N, C-alpha and C. Protein backbone atom coordinates (compact mmCIF):
# COMPACT_ATOMS: atom_id res chain seq x y z
N MET A 1 129.30 111.72 113.50
CA MET A 1 129.47 111.77 112.06
C MET A 1 129.96 113.16 111.67
N THR A 2 130.90 113.22 110.74
CA THR A 2 131.46 114.48 110.30
C THR A 2 130.94 114.82 108.92
N TYR A 3 130.54 116.09 108.73
CA TYR A 3 130.03 116.54 107.44
C TYR A 3 131.05 117.47 106.80
N ARG A 4 131.19 117.39 105.48
CA ARG A 4 132.14 118.24 104.79
C ARG A 4 131.62 119.66 104.63
N THR A 5 130.30 119.81 104.53
CA THR A 5 129.74 121.15 104.35
C THR A 5 128.55 121.33 105.28
N ALA A 6 128.20 122.58 105.51
CA ALA A 6 127.02 122.89 106.33
C ALA A 6 125.77 122.37 105.64
N TYR A 7 125.76 122.37 104.30
CA TYR A 7 124.61 121.86 103.56
C TYR A 7 124.37 120.39 103.86
N GLU A 8 125.45 119.59 103.88
CA GLU A 8 125.32 118.17 104.21
C GLU A 8 124.75 117.98 105.60
N ALA A 9 125.18 118.80 106.53
CA ALA A 9 124.67 118.70 107.90
C ALA A 9 123.18 119.01 107.95
N ARG A 10 122.74 120.04 107.24
CA ARG A 10 121.31 120.39 107.22
C ARG A 10 120.49 119.27 106.58
N MET A 11 120.99 118.70 105.47
CA MET A 11 120.26 117.63 104.80
C MET A 11 120.15 116.40 105.69
N ALA A 12 121.22 116.06 106.40
CA ALA A 12 121.19 114.89 107.28
C ALA A 12 120.18 115.08 108.40
N ASP A 13 120.04 116.30 108.87
CA ASP A 13 119.09 116.57 109.94
C ASP A 13 117.65 116.47 109.47
N SER A 14 117.41 116.70 108.18
CA SER A 14 116.04 116.75 107.70
C SER A 14 115.57 115.47 107.01
N LEU A 15 116.49 114.53 106.74
CA LEU A 15 116.10 113.30 106.05
C LEU A 15 115.74 112.20 107.04
N PRO A 16 114.56 111.65 106.93
CA PRO A 16 114.23 110.52 107.81
C PRO A 16 114.88 109.24 107.28
N GLN A 17 115.40 108.43 108.18
CA GLN A 17 115.98 107.17 107.75
C GLN A 17 114.84 106.20 107.45
N PHE A 18 115.06 105.34 106.47
CA PHE A 18 114.06 104.32 106.15
C PHE A 18 114.76 103.04 105.73
N PHE A 19 113.98 101.96 105.67
CA PHE A 19 114.49 100.64 105.36
C PHE A 19 113.60 100.02 104.29
N MET A 20 114.20 99.20 103.42
CA MET A 20 113.46 98.54 102.37
C MET A 20 113.82 97.06 102.35
N VAL A 21 112.91 96.25 101.84
CA VAL A 21 113.13 94.80 101.73
C VAL A 21 113.24 94.45 100.26
N LEU A 22 114.29 93.71 99.92
CA LEU A 22 114.54 93.33 98.53
C LEU A 22 114.79 91.83 98.45
N SER A 23 114.15 91.20 97.49
CA SER A 23 114.31 89.76 97.26
C SER A 23 115.45 89.51 96.29
N ASP A 24 116.14 88.39 96.46
CA ASP A 24 117.15 87.98 95.49
C ASP A 24 116.54 87.73 94.11
N ASP A 25 115.26 87.41 94.07
CA ASP A 25 114.58 87.10 92.81
C ASP A 25 113.98 88.32 92.12
N SER A 26 114.21 89.53 92.66
CA SER A 26 113.57 90.71 92.12
C SER A 26 114.52 91.91 92.15
N THR A 27 114.31 92.84 91.25
CA THR A 27 115.05 94.11 91.29
C THR A 27 114.14 95.25 91.70
N TYR A 28 112.94 94.93 92.15
CA TYR A 28 111.93 95.94 92.45
C TYR A 28 111.64 95.97 93.95
N THR A 29 111.68 97.15 94.52
CA THR A 29 111.20 97.38 95.87
C THR A 29 110.71 98.82 95.94
N GLN A 30 109.65 99.06 96.68
CA GLN A 30 109.10 100.41 96.71
C GLN A 30 108.73 100.87 98.12
N TYR A 31 108.28 99.95 98.95
CA TYR A 31 107.77 100.35 100.26
C TYR A 31 108.91 100.76 101.19
N ARG A 32 108.76 101.91 101.84
CA ARG A 32 109.75 102.40 102.79
C ARG A 32 109.26 102.15 104.21
N HIS A 33 109.97 101.29 104.92
CA HIS A 33 109.65 101.02 106.32
C HIS A 33 110.32 102.09 107.18
N SER A 34 109.60 102.61 108.14
CA SER A 34 110.17 103.67 108.98
C SER A 34 111.04 103.11 110.11
N THR A 35 110.94 101.81 110.37
CA THR A 35 111.75 101.21 111.44
C THR A 35 112.45 99.95 110.93
N LEU A 36 113.58 99.66 111.54
CA LEU A 36 114.31 98.45 111.21
C LEU A 36 113.50 97.22 111.60
N SER A 37 112.84 97.27 112.74
CA SER A 37 112.05 96.11 113.17
C SER A 37 110.90 95.83 112.21
N GLY A 38 110.28 96.87 111.67
CA GLY A 38 109.21 96.68 110.69
C GLY A 38 109.72 96.02 109.42
N ALA A 39 110.87 96.44 108.95
CA ALA A 39 111.45 95.86 107.75
C ALA A 39 111.88 94.41 108.00
N ARG A 40 112.43 94.13 109.18
CA ARG A 40 112.83 92.76 109.50
C ARG A 40 111.61 91.84 109.59
N SER A 41 110.53 92.35 110.15
CA SER A 41 109.30 91.55 110.23
C SER A 41 108.76 91.24 108.85
N GLU A 42 108.80 92.24 107.97
CA GLU A 42 108.32 92.03 106.60
C GLU A 42 109.21 91.04 105.86
N ALA A 43 110.52 91.13 106.04
CA ALA A 43 111.44 90.18 105.41
C ALA A 43 111.16 88.76 105.90
N ALA A 44 110.90 88.60 107.20
CA ALA A 44 110.59 87.28 107.76
C ALA A 44 109.26 86.75 107.21
N ARG A 45 108.27 87.64 107.10
CA ARG A 45 106.97 87.23 106.56
C ARG A 45 107.12 86.76 105.12
N LEU A 46 107.84 87.52 104.31
CA LEU A 46 108.04 87.16 102.91
C LEU A 46 108.83 85.87 102.76
N ALA A 47 109.85 85.68 103.61
CA ALA A 47 110.64 84.45 103.56
C ALA A 47 109.79 83.24 103.92
N THR A 48 108.84 83.42 104.82
CA THR A 48 107.95 82.32 105.22
C THR A 48 107.08 81.86 104.07
N VAL A 49 106.57 82.80 103.27
CA VAL A 49 105.69 82.43 102.17
C VAL A 49 106.44 82.15 100.87
N ASN A 50 107.76 82.38 100.87
CA ASN A 50 108.61 82.11 99.70
C ASN A 50 109.83 81.31 100.14
N PRO A 51 109.66 80.04 100.49
CA PRO A 51 110.77 79.23 101.00
C PRO A 51 111.95 79.19 100.03
N GLY A 52 113.15 79.32 100.60
CA GLY A 52 114.37 79.24 99.80
C GLY A 52 114.80 80.55 99.17
N THR A 53 114.00 81.60 99.31
CA THR A 53 114.33 82.91 98.73
C THR A 53 114.87 83.82 99.82
N LYS A 54 115.98 84.50 99.53
CA LYS A 54 116.56 85.45 100.48
C LYS A 54 115.86 86.80 100.34
N PHE A 55 115.57 87.42 101.47
CA PHE A 55 115.01 88.77 101.50
C PHE A 55 115.94 89.66 102.30
N TRP A 56 116.48 90.65 101.65
CA TRP A 56 117.47 91.54 102.24
C TRP A 56 116.79 92.77 102.82
N VAL A 57 117.26 93.22 103.98
CA VAL A 57 116.80 94.48 104.57
C VAL A 57 117.87 95.52 104.25
N LEU A 58 117.47 96.55 103.52
CA LEU A 58 118.38 97.61 103.09
C LEU A 58 118.12 98.86 103.92
N ALA A 59 119.18 99.54 104.31
CA ALA A 59 119.05 100.79 105.07
C ALA A 59 119.51 101.95 104.21
N ALA A 60 118.73 103.00 104.16
CA ALA A 60 119.10 104.21 103.42
C ALA A 60 120.11 104.99 104.25
N LEU A 61 121.26 105.26 103.66
CA LEU A 61 122.30 106.00 104.36
C LEU A 61 122.26 107.49 104.05
N GLY A 62 121.64 107.84 102.97
CA GLY A 62 121.57 109.23 102.55
C GLY A 62 121.16 109.29 101.09
N CYS A 63 121.25 110.49 100.52
CA CYS A 63 120.89 110.64 99.10
C CYS A 63 121.78 111.68 98.45
N ALA A 64 121.84 111.65 97.15
CA ALA A 64 122.57 112.66 96.39
C ALA A 64 121.56 113.65 95.86
N LEU A 65 121.87 114.93 96.01
CA LEU A 65 120.94 115.97 95.58
C LEU A 65 121.75 117.18 95.16
N ASN A 66 121.46 117.71 94.02
CA ASN A 66 122.13 118.92 93.55
C ASN A 66 121.44 120.10 94.20
N PRO A 67 122.11 120.83 95.10
CA PRO A 67 121.44 121.91 95.81
C PRO A 67 121.24 123.17 95.00
N GLU A 68 121.85 123.28 93.82
CA GLU A 68 121.73 124.48 93.02
C GLU A 68 120.87 124.20 91.78
N PRO A 69 120.24 125.21 91.20
CA PRO A 69 119.50 124.96 89.95
C PRO A 69 120.46 124.61 88.82
N VAL A 70 119.95 123.91 87.84
CA VAL A 70 120.75 123.53 86.69
C VAL A 70 121.20 124.79 85.96
N LYS A 71 122.48 124.82 85.62
CA LYS A 71 123.03 125.99 84.94
C LYS A 71 122.94 125.80 83.43
N TRP A 72 122.43 126.80 82.74
CA TRP A 72 122.34 126.76 81.29
C TRP A 72 123.65 127.26 80.71
N ILE A 73 124.25 126.48 79.80
CA ILE A 73 125.49 126.88 79.14
C ILE A 73 125.18 127.00 77.66
N ALA A 74 125.26 128.21 77.17
CA ALA A 74 124.94 128.46 75.76
C ALA A 74 126.04 127.93 74.85
N THR A 75 125.65 127.39 73.71
CA THR A 75 126.63 126.91 72.75
C THR A 75 126.95 127.98 71.72
N THR A 76 126.16 129.05 71.65
CA THR A 76 126.41 130.15 70.73
C THR A 76 126.62 131.41 71.55
N GLU A 77 127.86 131.83 71.67
CA GLU A 77 128.18 132.99 72.49
C GLU A 77 127.61 134.26 71.86
N GLY A 78 127.02 135.09 72.67
CA GLY A 78 126.49 136.36 72.20
C GLY A 78 125.08 136.27 71.65
N PHE A 79 124.49 135.11 71.57
CA PHE A 79 123.13 134.97 71.05
C PHE A 79 122.14 135.50 72.06
N ASP A 80 121.28 136.40 71.60
CA ASP A 80 120.24 136.96 72.46
C ASP A 80 118.89 136.52 71.90
N PRO A 81 118.13 135.70 72.61
CA PRO A 81 116.84 135.22 72.08
C PRO A 81 115.82 136.34 71.88
N HIS A 82 116.09 137.52 72.41
CA HIS A 82 115.15 138.64 72.24
C HIS A 82 115.46 139.47 71.01
N ASP A 83 116.59 139.21 70.35
CA ASP A 83 116.91 139.91 69.11
C ASP A 83 115.86 139.55 68.06
N LYS A 84 115.58 140.50 67.18
CA LYS A 84 114.63 140.21 66.11
C LYS A 84 115.35 139.45 65.01
N ILE A 85 114.85 138.25 64.72
CA ILE A 85 115.44 137.42 63.69
C ILE A 85 114.80 137.81 62.36
N PRO A 86 115.61 138.10 61.33
CA PRO A 86 115.06 138.64 60.08
C PRO A 86 114.42 137.60 59.14
N PHE A 87 113.79 136.58 59.68
CA PHE A 87 113.08 135.64 58.81
C PHE A 87 111.83 135.17 59.50
């Protein structure tokens, strides 16, 4: 795999891969399986107790993260909050 930046390479090295199970009948999933086999077993278990419903195994490929702090952009140039306001 090729990374565009050294930051991407560091993040990829530190992120554990995980898998999630999602039903066609739901938009909610929360549990993170650490192995593909664990997620497949859970999908099979859920399909057994919910006949006719598809259960998808999703794999996390990565995440988006802003590596820098949020930058404040002032809308009033030259305003100093430490100036004494005369009111």
